[in-house]
Amino acid sequence: MRRILGIILALVGSWMLVSPQALLGLAQLKWMYKYAFPGEVLIGIVIIAIGFKLMDLKAPKVGKPSH
């Protein structure tokens, strides 16, 4: 359940990073700009970090070098 919540938070945070910049991009994405608010990018970064923490991603194990 934590992993699903983490994925959802990461998606919401990603939306918060993209929506303020949508006005500068494609015409098809300009509707996103209506939902942006001041400080949204900073809050989006925090939400993505929380989402990644909840997903509990592990670094791959590295074996011995072959040489």
PDB file of N, CA and C in Angstrom:
ATOM      1  N   MET A   1       0.821  -1.194   0.000  1.00  0.00           N
ATOM      2  CA  MET A   1       0.000   0.000   0.000  1.00  0.00           C
ATOM      3  C   MET A   1       0.868   1.263   0.000  1.00  0.00           C
ATOM      4  N   ARG A   2       2.002   1.193   0.746  1.00  0.00           N
ATOM      5  CA  ARG A   2       2.896   2.353   0.774  1.00  0.00           C
ATOM      6  C   ARG A   2       3.471   2.632  -0.605  1.00  0.00           C
ATOM      7  N   ARG A   3       3.778   1.570  -1.333  1.00  0.00           N
ATOM      8  CA  ARG A   3       4.362   1.737  -2.674  1.00  0.00           C
ATOM      9  C   ARG A   3       3.366   2.408  -3.623  1.00  0.00           C
ATOM     10  N   ILE A   4       2.108   2.024  -3.553  1.00  0.00           N
ATOM     11  CA  ILE A   4       1.076   2.635  -4.400  1.00  0.00           C
ATOM     12  C   ILE A   4       0.907   4.109  -4.047  1.00  0.00           C
ATOM     13  N   LEU A   5       0.871   4.413  -2.747  1.00  0.00           N
ATOM     14  CA  LEU A   5       0.764   5.808  -2.313  1.00  0.00           C
ATOM     15  C   LEU A   5       1.988   6.598  -2.777  1.00  0.00           C
ATOM     16  N   GLY A   6       3.163   5.998  -2.725  1.00  0.00           N
ATOM     17  CA  GLY A   6       4.379   6.646  -3.207  1.00  0.00           C
ATOM     18  C   GLY A   6       4.325   6.954  -4.691  1.00  0.00           C
ATOM     19  N   ILE A   7       3.815   6.018  -5.470  1.00  0.00           N
ATOM     20  CA  ILE A   7       3.689   6.235  -6.914  1.00  0.00           C
ATOM     21  C   ILE A   7       2.707   7.361  -7.193  1.00  0.00           C
ATOM     22  N   ILE A   8       1.597   7.376  -6.484  1.00  0.00           N
ATOM     23  CA  ILE A   8       0.597   8.436  -6.670  1.00  0.00           C
ATOM     24  C   ILE A   8       1.192   9.800  -6.308  1.00  0.00           C
ATOM     25  N   LEU A   9       1.910   9.869  -5.191  1.00  0.00           N
ATOM     26  CA  LEU A   9       2.523  11.138  -4.795  1.00  0.00           C
ATOM     27  C   LEU A   9       3.577  11.577  -5.805  1.00  0.00           C
ATOM     28  N   ALA A  10       4.350  10.653  -6.337  1.00  0.00           N
ATOM     29  CA  ALA A  10       5.347  11.007  -7.341  1.00  0.00           C
ATOM     30  C   ALA A  10       4.682  11.555  -8.607  1.00  0.00           C
ATOM     31  N   LEU A  11       3.561  10.977  -8.999  1.00  0.00           N
ATOM     32  CA  LEU A  11       2.835  11.479 -10.171  1.00  0.00           C
ATOM     33  C   LEU A  11       2.264  12.872  -9.921  1.00  0.00           C
ATOM     34  N   VAL A  12       1.706  13.086  -8.730  1.00  0.00           N
ATOM     35  CA  VAL A  12       1.160  14.406  -8.387  1.00  0.00           C
ATOM     36  C   VAL A  12       2.283  15.444  -8.360  1.00  0.00           C
ATOM     37  N   GLY A  13       3.411  15.080  -7.761  1.00  0.00           N
ATOM     38  CA  GLY A  13       4.545  15.994  -7.724  1.00  0.00           C
ATOM     39  C   GLY A  13       5.069  16.309  -9.115  1.00  0.00           C
ATOM     40  N   SER A  14       5.078  15.325  -9.993  1.00  0.00           N
ATOM     41  CA  SER A  14       5.508  15.559 -11.369  1.00  0.00           C
ATOM     42  C   SER A  14       4.578  16.530 -12.068  1.00  0.00           C
ATOM     43  N   TRP A  15       3.291  16.377 -11.845  1.00  0.00           N
ATOM     44  CA  TRP A  15       2.302  17.311 -12.402  1.00  0.00           C
ATOM     45  C   TRP A  15       2.604  18.724 -11.910  1.00  0.00           C
ATOM     46  N   MET A  16       2.931  18.850 -10.622  1.00  0.00           N
ATOM     47  CA  MET A  16       3.188  20.164 -10.048  1.00  0.00           C
ATOM     48  C   MET A  16       4.448  20.800 -10.625  1.00  0.00           C
ATOM     49  N   LEU A  17       5.394  19.999 -11.083  1.00  0.00           N
ATOM     50  CA  LEU A  17       6.587  20.548 -11.710  1.00  0.00           C
ATOM     51  C   LEU A  17       6.331  20.979 -13.149  1.00  0.00           C
ATOM     52  N   VAL A  18       5.435  20.298 -13.834  1.00  0.00           N
ATOM     53  CA  VAL A  18       5.198  20.561 -15.252  1.00  0.00           C
ATOM     54  C   VAL A  18       4.181  21.677 -15.471  1.00  0.00           C
ATOM     55  N   SER A  19       3.155  21.763 -14.656  1.00  0.00           N
ATOM     56  CA  SER A  19       2.059  22.695 -14.936  1.00  0.00           C
ATOM     57  C   SER A  19       2.463  24.166 -14.974  1.00  0.00           C
ATOM     58  N   PRO A  20       3.370  24.667 -14.124  1.00  0.00           N
ATOM     59  CA  PRO A  20       3.737  26.085 -14.266  1.00  0.00           C
ATOM     60  C   PRO A  20       4.473  26.388 -15.571  1.00  0.00           C
ATOM     61  N   GLN A  21       5.124  25.398 -16.153  1.00  0.00           N
ATOM     62  CA  GLN A  21       5.882  25.607 -17.380  1.00  0.00           C
ATOM     63  C   GLN A  21       5.059  25.347 -18.628  1.00  0.00           C
ATOM     64  N   ALA A  22       3.845  24.907 -18.473  1.00  0.00           N
ATOM     65  CA  ALA A  22       3.024  24.516 -19.619  1.00  0.00           C
ATOM     66  C   ALA A  22       2.699  25.693 -20.516  1.00  0.00           C
ATOM     67  N   LEU A  23       2.669  26.887 -19.975  1.00  0.00           N
ATOM     68  CA  LEU A  23       2.353  28.078 -20.775  1.00  0.00           C
ATOM     69  C   LEU A  23       3.422  28.320 -21.841  1.00  0.00           C
ATOM     70  N   LEU A  24       4.638  27.904 -21.566  1.00  0.00           N
ATOM     71  CA  LEU A  24       5.744  28.122 -22.496  1.00  0.00           C
ATOM     72  C   LEU A  24       5.871  27.021 -23.539  1.00  0.00           C
ATOM     73  N   GLY A  25       5.182  25.916 -23.340  1.00  0.00           N
ATOM     74  CA  GLY A  25       5.363  24.749 -24.195  1.00  0.00           C
ATOM     75  C   GLY A  25       4.322  24.610 -25.279  1.00  0.00           C
ATOM     76  N   LEU A  26       3.908  23.395 -25.486  1.00  0.00           N
ATOM     77  CA  LEU A  26       2.952  23.058 -26.535  1.00  0.00           C
ATOM     78  C   LEU A  26       1.600  23.719 -26.299  1.00  0.00           C
ATOM     79  N   ALA A  27       0.934  24.060 -27.364  1.00  0.00           N
ATOM     80  CA  ALA A  27      -0.387  24.677 -27.253  1.00  0.00           C
ATOM     81  C   ALA A  27      -1.388  23.723 -26.602  1.00  0.00           C
ATOM     82  N   GLN A  28      -1.201  22.413 -26.791  1.00  0.00           N
ATOM     83  CA  GLN A  28      -2.116  21.431 -26.235  1.00  0.00           C
ATOM     84  C   GLN A  28      -2.002  21.341 -24.714  1.00  0.00           C
ATOM     85  N   LEU A  29      -0.904  21.811 -24.131  1.00  0.00           N
ATOM     86  CA  LEU A  29      -0.710  21.725 -22.686  1.00  0.00           C
ATOM     87  C   LEU A  29      -0.982  23.045 -21.960  1.00  0.00           C
ATOM     88  N   LYS A  30      -1.370  24.082 -22.670  1.00  0.00           N
ATOM     89  CA  LYS A  30      -1.572  25.385 -22.034  1.00  0.00           C
ATOM     90  C   LYS A  30      -2.718  25.384 -21.037  1.00  0.00           C
ATOM     91  N   TRP A  31      -3.642  24.443 -21.127  1.00  0.00           N
ATOM     92  CA  TRP A  31      -4.743  24.366 -20.164  1.00  0.00           C
ATOM     93  C   TRP A  31      -4.228  24.020 -18.771  1.00  0.00           C
ATOM     94  N   MET A  32      -3.084  23.355 -18.693  1.00  0.00           N
ATOM     95  CA  MET A  32      -2.524  22.980 -17.397  1.00  0.00           C
ATOM     96  C   MET A  32      -2.141  24.204 -16.574  1.00  0.00           C
ATOM     97  N   TYR A  33      -1.791  25.288 -17.247  1.00  0.00           N
ATOM     98  CA  TYR A  33      -1.308  26.478 -16.558  1.00  0.00           C
ATOM     99  C   TYR A  33      -2.385  27.079 -15.649  1.00  0.00           C
ATOM    100  N   LYS A  34      -3.656  26.855 -15.977  1.00  0.00           N
ATOM    101  CA  LYS A  34      -4.745  27.392 -15.143  1.00  0.00           C
ATOM    102  C   LYS A  34      -4.721  26.819 -13.735  1.00  0.00           C
ATOM    103  N   TYR A  35      -4.120  25.658 -13.543  1.00  0.00           N
ATOM    104  CA  TYR A  35      -4.116  24.996 -12.248  1.00  0.00           C
ATOM    105  C   TYR A  35      -2.832  25.250 -11.450  1.00  0.00           C
ATOM    106  N   ALA A  36      -1.928  26.054 -11.994  1.00  0.00           N
ATOM    107  CA  ALA A  36      -0.671  26.349 -11.301  1.00  0.00           C
ATOM    108  C   ALA A  36      -0.892  27.450 -10.260  1.00  0.00           C
ATOM    109  N   PHE A  37      -0.099  27.400  -9.193  1.00  0.00           N
ATOM    110  CA  PHE A  37      -0.148  28.435  -8.168  1.00  0.00           C
ATOM    111  C   PHE A  37       1.273  28.781  -7.744  1.00  0.00           C
ATOM    112  N   PRO A  38       1.485  29.952  -7.148  1.00  0.00           N
ATOM    113  CA  PRO A  38       2.843  30.340  -6.746  1.00  0.00           C
ATOM    114  C   PRO A  38       3.439  29.350  -5.744  1.00  0.00           C
ATOM    115  N   GLY A  39       4.682  29.013  -5.934  1.00  0.00           N
ATOM    116  CA  GLY A  39       5.359  28.084  -5.044  1.00  0.00           C
ATOM    117  C   GLY A  39       5.074  26.624  -5.328  1.00  0.00           C
ATOM    118  N   GLU A  40       4.390  26.357  -6.411  1.00  0.00           N
ATOM    119  CA  GLU A  40       3.981  24.983  -6.723  1.00  0.00           C
ATOM    120  C   GLU A  40       5.182  24.080  -7.005  1.00  0.00           C
ATOM    121  N   VAL A  41       6.212  24.633  -7.611  1.00  0.00           N
ATOM    122  CA  VAL A  41       7.376  23.820  -7.955  1.00  0.00           C
ATOM    123  C   VAL A  41       8.076  23.328  -6.687  1.00  0.00           C
ATOM    124  N   LEU A  42       8.249  24.199  -5.704  1.00  0.00           N
ATOM    125  CA  LEU A  42       8.911  23.789  -4.464  1.00  0.00           C
ATOM    126  C   LEU A  42       8.098  22.729  -3.725  1.00  0.00           C
ATOM    127  N   ILE A  43       6.797  22.909  -3.682  1.00  0.00           N
ATOM    128  CA  ILE A  43       5.938  21.914  -3.035  1.00  0.00           C
ATOM    129  C   ILE A  43       5.970  20.609  -3.821  1.00  0.00           C
ATOM    130  N   GLY A  44       6.013  20.702  -5.152  1.00  0.00           N
ATOM    131  CA  GLY A  44       6.096  19.510  -5.991  1.00  0.00           C
ATOM    132  C   GLY A  44       7.360  18.711  -5.737  1.00  0.00           C
ATOM    133  N   ILE A  45       8.478  19.405  -5.517  1.00  0.00           N
ATOM    134  CA  ILE A  45       9.738  18.720  -5.226  1.00  0.00           C
ATOM    135  C   ILE A  45       9.633  17.944  -3.916  1.00  0.00           C
ATOM    136  N   VAL A  46       9.031  18.566  -2.914  1.00  0.00           N
ATOM    137  CA  VAL A  46       8.861  17.892  -1.616  1.00  0.00           C
ATOM    138  C   VAL A  46       7.941  16.679  -1.756  1.00  0.00           C
ATOM    139  N   ILE A  47       6.868  16.821  -2.510  1.00  0.00           N
ATOM    140  CA  ILE A  47       5.920  15.714  -2.696  1.00  0.00           C
ATOM    141  C   ILE A  47       6.579  14.551  -3.442  1.00  0.00           C
ATOM    142  N   ILE A  48       7.385  14.857  -4.466  1.00  0.00           N
ATOM    143  CA  ILE A  48       8.089  13.791  -5.181  1.00  0.00           C
ATOM    144  C   ILE A  48       9.065  13.076  -4.248  1.00  0.00           C
ATOM    145  N   ALA A  49       9.776  13.839  -3.414  1.00  0.00           N
ATOM    146  CA  ALA A  49      10.724  13.225  -2.477  1.00  0.00           C
ATOM    147  C   ALA A  49      10.007  12.302  -1.501  1.00  0.00           C
ATOM    148  N   ILE A  50       8.860  12.721  -0.998  1.00  0.00           N
ATOM    149  CA  ILE A  50       8.076  11.875  -0.092  1.00  0.00           C
ATOM    150  C   ILE A  50       7.600  10.626  -0.829  1.00  0.00           C
ATOM    151  N   GLY A  51       7.161  10.795  -2.077  1.00  0.00           N
ATOM    152  CA  GLY A  51       6.719   9.659  -2.875  1.00  0.00           C
ATOM    153  C   GLY A  51       7.820   8.640  -3.089  1.00  0.00           C
ATOM    154  N   PHE A  52       9.032   9.121  -3.396  1.00  0.00           N
ATOM    155  CA  PHE A  52      10.160   8.208  -3.570  1.00  0.00           C
ATOM    156  C   PHE A  52      10.517   7.508  -2.270  1.00  0.00           C
ATOM    157  N   LYS A  53      10.424   8.223  -1.168  1.00  0.00           N
ATOM    158  CA  LYS A  53      10.713   7.620   0.136  1.00  0.00           C
ATOM    159  C   LYS A  53       9.692   6.507   0.438  1.00  0.00           C
ATOM    160  N   LEU A  54       8.420   6.749   0.132  1.00  0.00           N
ATOM    161  CA  LEU A  54       7.391   5.738   0.373  1.00  0.00           C
ATOM    162  C   LEU A  54       7.537   4.529  -0.542  1.00  0.00           C
ATOM    163  N   MET A  55       8.059   4.745  -1.748  1.00  0.00           N
ATOM    164  CA  MET A  55       8.263   3.624  -2.664  1.00  0.00           C
ATOM    165  C   MET A  55       9.395   2.719  -2.196  1.00  0.00           C
ATOM    166  N   ASP A  56      10.266   3.222  -1.339  1.00  0.00           N
ATOM    167  CA  ASP A  56      11.363   2.445  -0.750  1.00  0.00           C
ATOM    168  C   ASP A  56      12.195   1.767  -1.832  1.00  0.00           C
ATOM    169  N   LEU A  57      12.677   2.570  -2.768  1.00  0.00           N
ATOM    170  CA  LEU A  57      13.495   2.050  -3.855  1.00  0.00           C
ATOM    171  C   LEU A  57      14.878   1.692  -3.333  1.00  0.00           C
ATOM    172  N   LYS A  58      15.362   0.540  -3.716  1.00  0.00           N
ATOM    173  CA  LYS A  58      16.676   0.061  -3.298  1.00  0.00           C
ATOM    174  C   LYS A  58      17.667   0.203  -4.449  1.00  0.00           C
ATOM    175  N   ALA A  59      18.902   0.517  -4.121  1.00  0.00           N
ATOM    176  CA  ALA A  59      19.960   0.576  -5.123  1.00  0.00           C
ATOM    177  C   ALA A  59      20.326  -0.845  -5.529  1.00  0.00           C
ATOM    178  N   PRO A  60      20.648  -1.056  -6.787  1.00  0.00           N
ATOM    179  CA  PRO A  60      21.043  -2.411  -7.210  1.00  0.00           C
ATOM    180  C   PRO A  60      22.359  -2.818  -6.543  1.00  0.00           C
ATOM    181  N   LYS A  61      22.463  -4.087  -6.229  1.00  0.00           N
ATOM    182  CA  LYS A  61      23.695  -4.593  -5.625  1.00  0.00           C
ATOM    183  C   LYS A  61      24.746  -4.740  -6.714  1.00  0.00           C
ATOM    184  N   VAL A  62      25.925  -4.298  -6.381  1.00  0.00           N
ATOM    185  CA  VAL A  62      27.031  -4.352  -7.335  1.00  0.00           C
ATOM    186  C   VAL A  62      27.983  -5.455  -6.893  1.00  0.00           C
ATOM    187  N   GLY A  63      28.295  -6.331  -7.807  1.00  0.00           N
ATOM    188  CA  GLY A  63      29.221  -7.429  -7.504  1.00  0.00           C
ATOM    189  C   GLY A  63      30.667  -6.969  -7.617  1.00  0.00           C
ATOM    190  N   LYS A  64      31.542  -7.924  -7.503  1.00  0.00           N
ATOM    191  CA  LYS A  64      32.968  -7.623  -7.631  1.00  0.00           C
ATOM    192  C   LYS A  64      33.290  -7.242  -9.064  1.00  0.00           C
ATOM    193  N   PRO A  65      34.248  -6.363  -9.247  1.00  0.00           N
ATOM    194  CA  PRO A  65      34.644  -6.018 -10.625  1.00  0.00           C
ATOM    195  C   PRO A  65      35.244  -7.229 -11.330  1.00  0.00           C
ATOM    196  N   SER A  66      35.080  -7.307 -12.625  1.00  0.00           N
ATOM    197  CA  SER A  66      35.550  -8.464 -13.392  1.00  0.00           C
ATOM    198  C   SER A  66      37.021  -8.383 -13.727  1.00  0.00           C
ATOM    199  N   HIS A  67      37.668  -7.293 -13.481  1.00  0.00           N
ATOM    200  CA  HIS A  67      39.082  -7.178 -13.834  1.00  0.00           C
ATOM    201  C   HIS A  67      39.964  -7.057 -12.632  1.00  0.00           C
TER     202      HIS A  67
END
